[in-house]
Amino acid sequence: QELVELECQEWASKKIDIKYEVRNNRKGYKAGALKKGMEHVYAQQCEFVAIFDADFQPESDFLLKTIPFLVHNPKIALVQTRWKFVNYDACLMTRIQKMSLDYHFKVEQESGSFMHAFFGFNGTAGVWRVSAINESGGWKDRTTVEDMDLAVRVKSELPSTFKAYRHQQHRWTCGGINMEEMAPFIQLFVCTEGHCSHPHILVLLRCHSIICHGS
């Protein structure tokens, strides 16, 4: 947080219109933070909003590559970019995760976009049209998977330990199940079962099981 604050102060000293905001609570977690952020007057005056998790490092030309899609086609609500990972070769676990996520972006999402089919937001590394968020009812803090609830490359980090990976997958999966309980008429097998039963994930879990029992 201190580094981000210093960076914002530096840009502000150059007469750049930039704001640094911190909530005094964690209500709603990420979805709550997004909801609170959009309530600011200066945010409501914006036409587009770019969203990044703390562990993402967008390139300097990110907006130059993404905003034109929204400007030249008013029917587009979201531009979702692909991810690349700075630590994908750290260990077997990160390499398998990269294979799984590359399949999601290169096959599932590209084919969905090409066929104009259902297209979900991945929660980060994307640019939203603010009017589309408002028309959809805004961010809801009822779930930990706000990207699914609202339903170019950038760098990120993969969980490099099984504990961190298990925590991530638990949040993604349970968040989807939680949504299904709140809205049972929605078929949420799209992402939830993908994380549970993707072949690469099963291999990863099996390898970990062997290592644990072997040791």
Protein backbone atom coordinates (compact mmCIF):
# COMPACT_ATOMS: atom_id res chain seq x y z
CA GLN A 1 0.00 0.00 0.00
CA GLU A 2 2.79 2.42 0.83
CA LEU A 3 4.41 1.90 -2.58
CA VAL A 4 1.10 2.49 -4.35
CA GLU A 5 0.47 5.63 -2.31
CA LEU A 6 3.92 7.02 -3.11
CA GLU A 7 3.45 6.27 -6.81
CA CYS A 8 0.10 8.07 -6.82
CA GLN A 9 1.62 11.07 -5.04
CA GLU A 10 4.37 11.25 -7.64
CA TRP A 11 1.87 11.29 -10.52
CA ALA A 12 -0.31 13.81 -8.69
CA SER A 13 2.70 16.12 -8.39
CA LYS A 14 2.85 16.05 -12.20
CA LYS A 15 -0.73 17.40 -12.35
CA ILE A 16 -2.17 14.00 -13.27
CA ASP A 17 -5.73 13.46 -12.01
CA ILE A 18 -5.18 10.42 -9.80
CA LYS A 19 -6.67 9.33 -6.47
CA TYR A 20 -5.48 6.92 -3.77
CA GLU A 21 -8.24 5.41 -1.65
CA VAL A 22 -8.19 2.90 1.22
CA ARG A 23 -11.24 1.47 2.98
CA ASN A 24 -11.36 1.37 6.78
CA ASN A 25 -12.97 -2.10 6.72
CA ARG A 26 -13.04 -5.30 4.63
CA LYS A 27 -16.79 -5.67 4.28
CA GLY A 28 -17.58 -7.65 1.16
CA TYR A 29 -13.87 -8.22 0.48
CA LYS A 30 -12.96 -7.50 -3.15
CA ALA A 31 -16.53 -7.06 -4.35
CA GLY A 32 -17.13 -4.66 -1.47
CA ALA A 33 -14.02 -2.69 -2.40
CA LEU A 34 -15.14 -2.44 -6.03
CA LYS A 35 -18.61 -1.39 -4.96
CA LYS A 36 -17.20 1.29 -2.62
CA GLY A 37 -14.79 2.52 -5.26
CA MET A 38 -17.56 3.05 -7.80
CA GLU A 39 -19.47 5.22 -5.30
CA HIS A 40 -16.91 8.02 -5.48
CA VAL A 41 -18.00 11.02 -7.54
CA TYR A 42 -14.89 10.96 -9.72
CA ALA A 43 -15.46 7.28 -10.50
CA GLN A 44 -19.06 7.93 -11.53
CA GLN A 45 -17.81 10.52 -14.00
CA CYS A 46 -15.69 7.93 -15.79
CA GLU A 47 -16.91 6.05 -18.84
CA PHE A 48 -14.62 3.05 -18.38
CA VAL A 49 -12.94 1.32 -15.45
CA ALA A 50 -9.88 -0.97 -15.55
CA ILE A 51 -9.60 -3.60 -12.81
CA PHE A 52 -6.45 -5.35 -11.60
CA ASP A 53 -5.67 -7.59 -8.64
CA ALA A 54 -2.73 -6.55 -6.48
CA ASP A 55 -0.43 -9.19 -8.00
CA PHE A 56 -0.92 -8.05 -11.61
CA GLN A 57 1.54 -5.88 -13.51
CA PRO A 58 -0.10 -4.28 -16.57
CA GLU A 59 2.10 -3.04 -19.38
CA SER A 60 2.31 0.72 -19.93
CA ASP A 61 0.29 0.48 -23.17
CA PHE A 62 -2.53 -1.63 -21.65
CA LEU A 63 -5.19 1.08 -22.02
CA LEU A 64 -4.01 1.99 -25.53
CA LYS A 65 -4.66 -1.61 -26.58
CA THR A 66 -7.99 -2.15 -24.79
CA ILE A 67 -9.97 1.12 -24.73
CA PRO A 68 -10.33 1.39 -28.56
CA PHE A 69 -12.50 -1.76 -28.60
CA LEU A 70 -14.96 -0.07 -26.25
CA VAL A 71 -14.81 3.33 -27.95
CA HIS A 72 -15.45 2.03 -31.47
CA ASN A 73 -18.19 -0.45 -30.51
CA PRO A 74 -20.75 0.86 -27.99
CA LYS A 75 -22.30 -2.64 -27.75
CA ILE A 76 -19.18 -4.03 -26.06
CA ALA A 77 -19.40 -3.97 -22.25
CA LEU A 78 -16.13 -5.72 -21.33
CA VAL A 79 -12.67 -6.25 -22.72
CA GLN A 80 -11.02 -9.20 -20.98
CA THR A 81 -7.30 -9.66 -21.58
CA ARG A 82 -5.21 -12.79 -21.35
CA TRP A 83 -2.78 -13.41 -18.53
CA LYS A 84 0.86 -14.40 -18.60
CA PHE A 85 2.81 -15.42 -15.54
CA VAL A 86 6.19 -14.32 -14.25
CA ASN A 87 6.78 -17.48 -12.21
CA TYR A 88 5.25 -20.22 -14.39
CA ASP A 89 8.53 -22.17 -14.45
CA ALA A 90 9.06 -22.05 -10.66
CA CYS A 91 7.95 -25.65 -10.11
CA LEU A 92 5.74 -28.43 -11.45
CA MET A 93 2.68 -26.93 -9.78
CA THR A 94 3.03 -23.56 -11.52
CA ARG A 95 3.69 -25.19 -14.90
CA ILE A 96 0.51 -27.29 -14.66
CA GLN A 97 -1.51 -24.24 -13.60
CA LYS A 98 -0.21 -22.33 -16.61
CA MET A 99 -1.34 -25.16 -18.91
CA SER A 100 -4.80 -25.09 -17.35
CA LEU A 101 -5.23 -21.31 -17.50
CA ASP A 102 -3.78 -21.09 -21.03
CA TYR A 103 -6.48 -23.53 -22.13
CA HIS A 104 -9.11 -21.34 -20.50
CA PHE A 105 -7.95 -18.22 -22.30
CA LYS A 106 -6.81 -19.63 -25.65
CA VAL A 107 -9.66 -22.11 -26.16
CA GLU A 108 -12.66 -21.50 -23.91
CA GLN A 109 -12.71 -17.71 -23.92
CA GLU A 110 -11.52 -17.15 -27.48
CA SER A 111 -14.10 -19.58 -28.86
CA GLY A 112 -16.81 -18.03 -26.67
CA SER A 113 -15.92 -14.56 -27.91
CA PHE A 114 -15.82 -15.70 -31.53
CA MET A 115 -19.26 -17.37 -31.26
CA HIS A 116 -20.75 -14.41 -29.32
CA ALA A 117 -21.57 -16.87 -26.54
CA PHE A 118 -21.67 -16.33 -22.75
CA PHE A 119 -18.46 -14.65 -21.68
CA GLY A 120 -17.45 -14.32 -18.05
CA PHE A 121 -15.16 -11.73 -16.46
CA ASN A 122 -12.05 -13.22 -14.87
CA GLY A 123 -12.04 -10.73 -12.02
CA THR A 124 -8.90 -8.89 -13.11
CA ALA A 125 -6.99 -7.58 -16.13
CA GLY A 126 -10.12 -6.28 -17.82
CA VAL A 127 -11.81 -3.01 -18.73
CA TRP A 128 -15.53 -2.48 -18.11
CA ARG A 129 -17.92 0.05 -19.53
CA VAL A 130 -19.25 1.73 -16.36
CA SER A 131 -22.79 2.00 -17.75
CA ALA A 132 -22.84 -1.79 -18.23
CA ILE A 133 -21.88 -2.35 -14.58
CA ASN A 134 -24.61 0.02 -13.44
CA GLU A 135 -27.24 -1.55 -15.70
CA SER A 136 -26.35 -4.98 -14.28
CA GLY A 137 -26.96 -3.79 -10.74
CA GLY A 138 -23.36 -3.01 -9.80
CA TRP A 139 -20.95 -5.10 -7.75
CA LYS A 140 -22.53 -7.40 -5.18
CA ASP A 141 -20.66 -8.27 -1.98
CA ARG A 142 -22.73 -11.42 -1.40
CA THR A 143 -20.06 -13.71 -2.87
CA THR A 144 -16.28 -14.10 -3.07
CA VAL A 145 -16.39 -14.52 -6.87
CA GLU A 146 -17.53 -11.08 -7.93
CA ASP A 147 -16.31 -11.70 -11.48
CA MET A 148 -18.75 -14.60 -11.96
CA ASP A 149 -21.48 -12.71 -10.18
CA LEU A 150 -21.36 -9.85 -12.68
CA ALA A 151 -20.70 -11.99 -15.55
CA VAL A 152 -3.11 -8.10 -25.08
CA ARG A 153 -1.57 -9.93 -22.01
CA VAL A 154 -0.70 -8.84 -18.52
CA LYS A 155 1.60 -10.39 -15.95
CA SER A 156 0.52 -12.18 -12.80
CA GLU A 157 1.78 -14.74 -10.30
CA LEU A 158 0.60 -18.32 -9.83
CA PRO A 159 0.30 -19.95 -6.39
CA SER A 160 3.62 -21.75 -5.95
CA THR A 161 2.68 -23.79 -2.89
CA PHE A 162 -0.07 -26.35 -2.56
CA LYS A 163 -1.55 -24.51 0.44
CA ALA A 164 -1.91 -21.26 -1.55
CA TYR A 165 -3.24 -23.14 -4.56
CA ARG A 166 -5.81 -25.01 -2.45
CA HIS A 167 -6.97 -21.73 -0.89
CA GLN A 168 -7.41 -20.15 -4.34
CA GLN A 169 -9.35 -23.10 -5.75
CA HIS A 170 -11.54 -23.27 -2.63
CA ARG A 171 -12.51 -19.62 -3.06
CA TRP A 172 -13.26 -20.01 -6.77
CA THR A 173 -15.30 -23.18 -6.33
CA CYS A 174 -17.19 -22.35 -3.14
CA GLY A 175 -17.96 -18.88 -4.45
CA GLY A 176 -19.71 -20.41 -7.45
CA ILE A 177 -21.63 -22.86 -5.28
CA ASN A 178 -22.64 -20.00 -3.01
CA MET A 179 -24.06 -18.15 -6.01
CA GLU A 180 -26.01 -21.22 -7.06
CA GLU A 181 -27.61 -21.37 -3.62
CA MET A 182 -28.64 -17.72 -3.92
CA ALA A 183 -29.93 -18.09 -7.46
CA PRO A 184 -30.73 -21.80 -8.04
CA PHE A 185 -32.33 -21.10 -11.40
CA ILE A 186 -28.94 -20.19 -12.85
CA GLN A 187 -26.88 -23.09 -14.16
CA LEU A 188 -23.43 -22.44 -12.77
CA PHE A 189 -21.58 -25.50 -13.97
CA VAL A 190 -19.55 -23.35 -16.40
CA CYS A 191 -16.68 -22.25 -14.14
CA THR A 192 -17.29 -24.20 -10.96
CA GLU A 193 -16.94 -27.68 -12.41
CA GLY A 194 -14.11 -26.53 -14.64
CA HIS A 195 -11.95 -25.81 -11.61
CA CYS A 196 -12.98 -29.07 -9.91
CA SER A 197 -12.56 -31.51 -12.76
CA HIS A 198 -10.08 -30.05 -15.26
CA PRO A 199 -7.65 -32.85 -16.24
CA HIS A 200 -4.60 -30.77 -15.35
CA ILE A 201 -6.01 -30.06 -11.90
CA LEU A 202 -6.69 -33.74 -11.27
CA VAL A 203 -3.11 -34.58 -12.28
CA LEU A 204 -1.83 -31.87 -9.95
CA LEU A 205 -3.88 -33.16 -7.01
CA ARG A 206 -2.82 -36.74 -7.75
CA CYS A 207 0.86 -35.75 -7.84
CA HIS A 208 0.52 -33.97 -4.52
CA SER A 209 -1.18 -37.03 -3.03
CA ILE A 210 1.67 -39.27 -4.14
CA ILE A 211 4.28 -36.86 -2.75
CA CYS A 212 2.50 -36.60 0.61
CA HIS A 213 2.05 -40.34 1.01
CA GLY A 214 5.54 -41.00 -0.23
CA SER A 215 7.04 -38.71 2.38
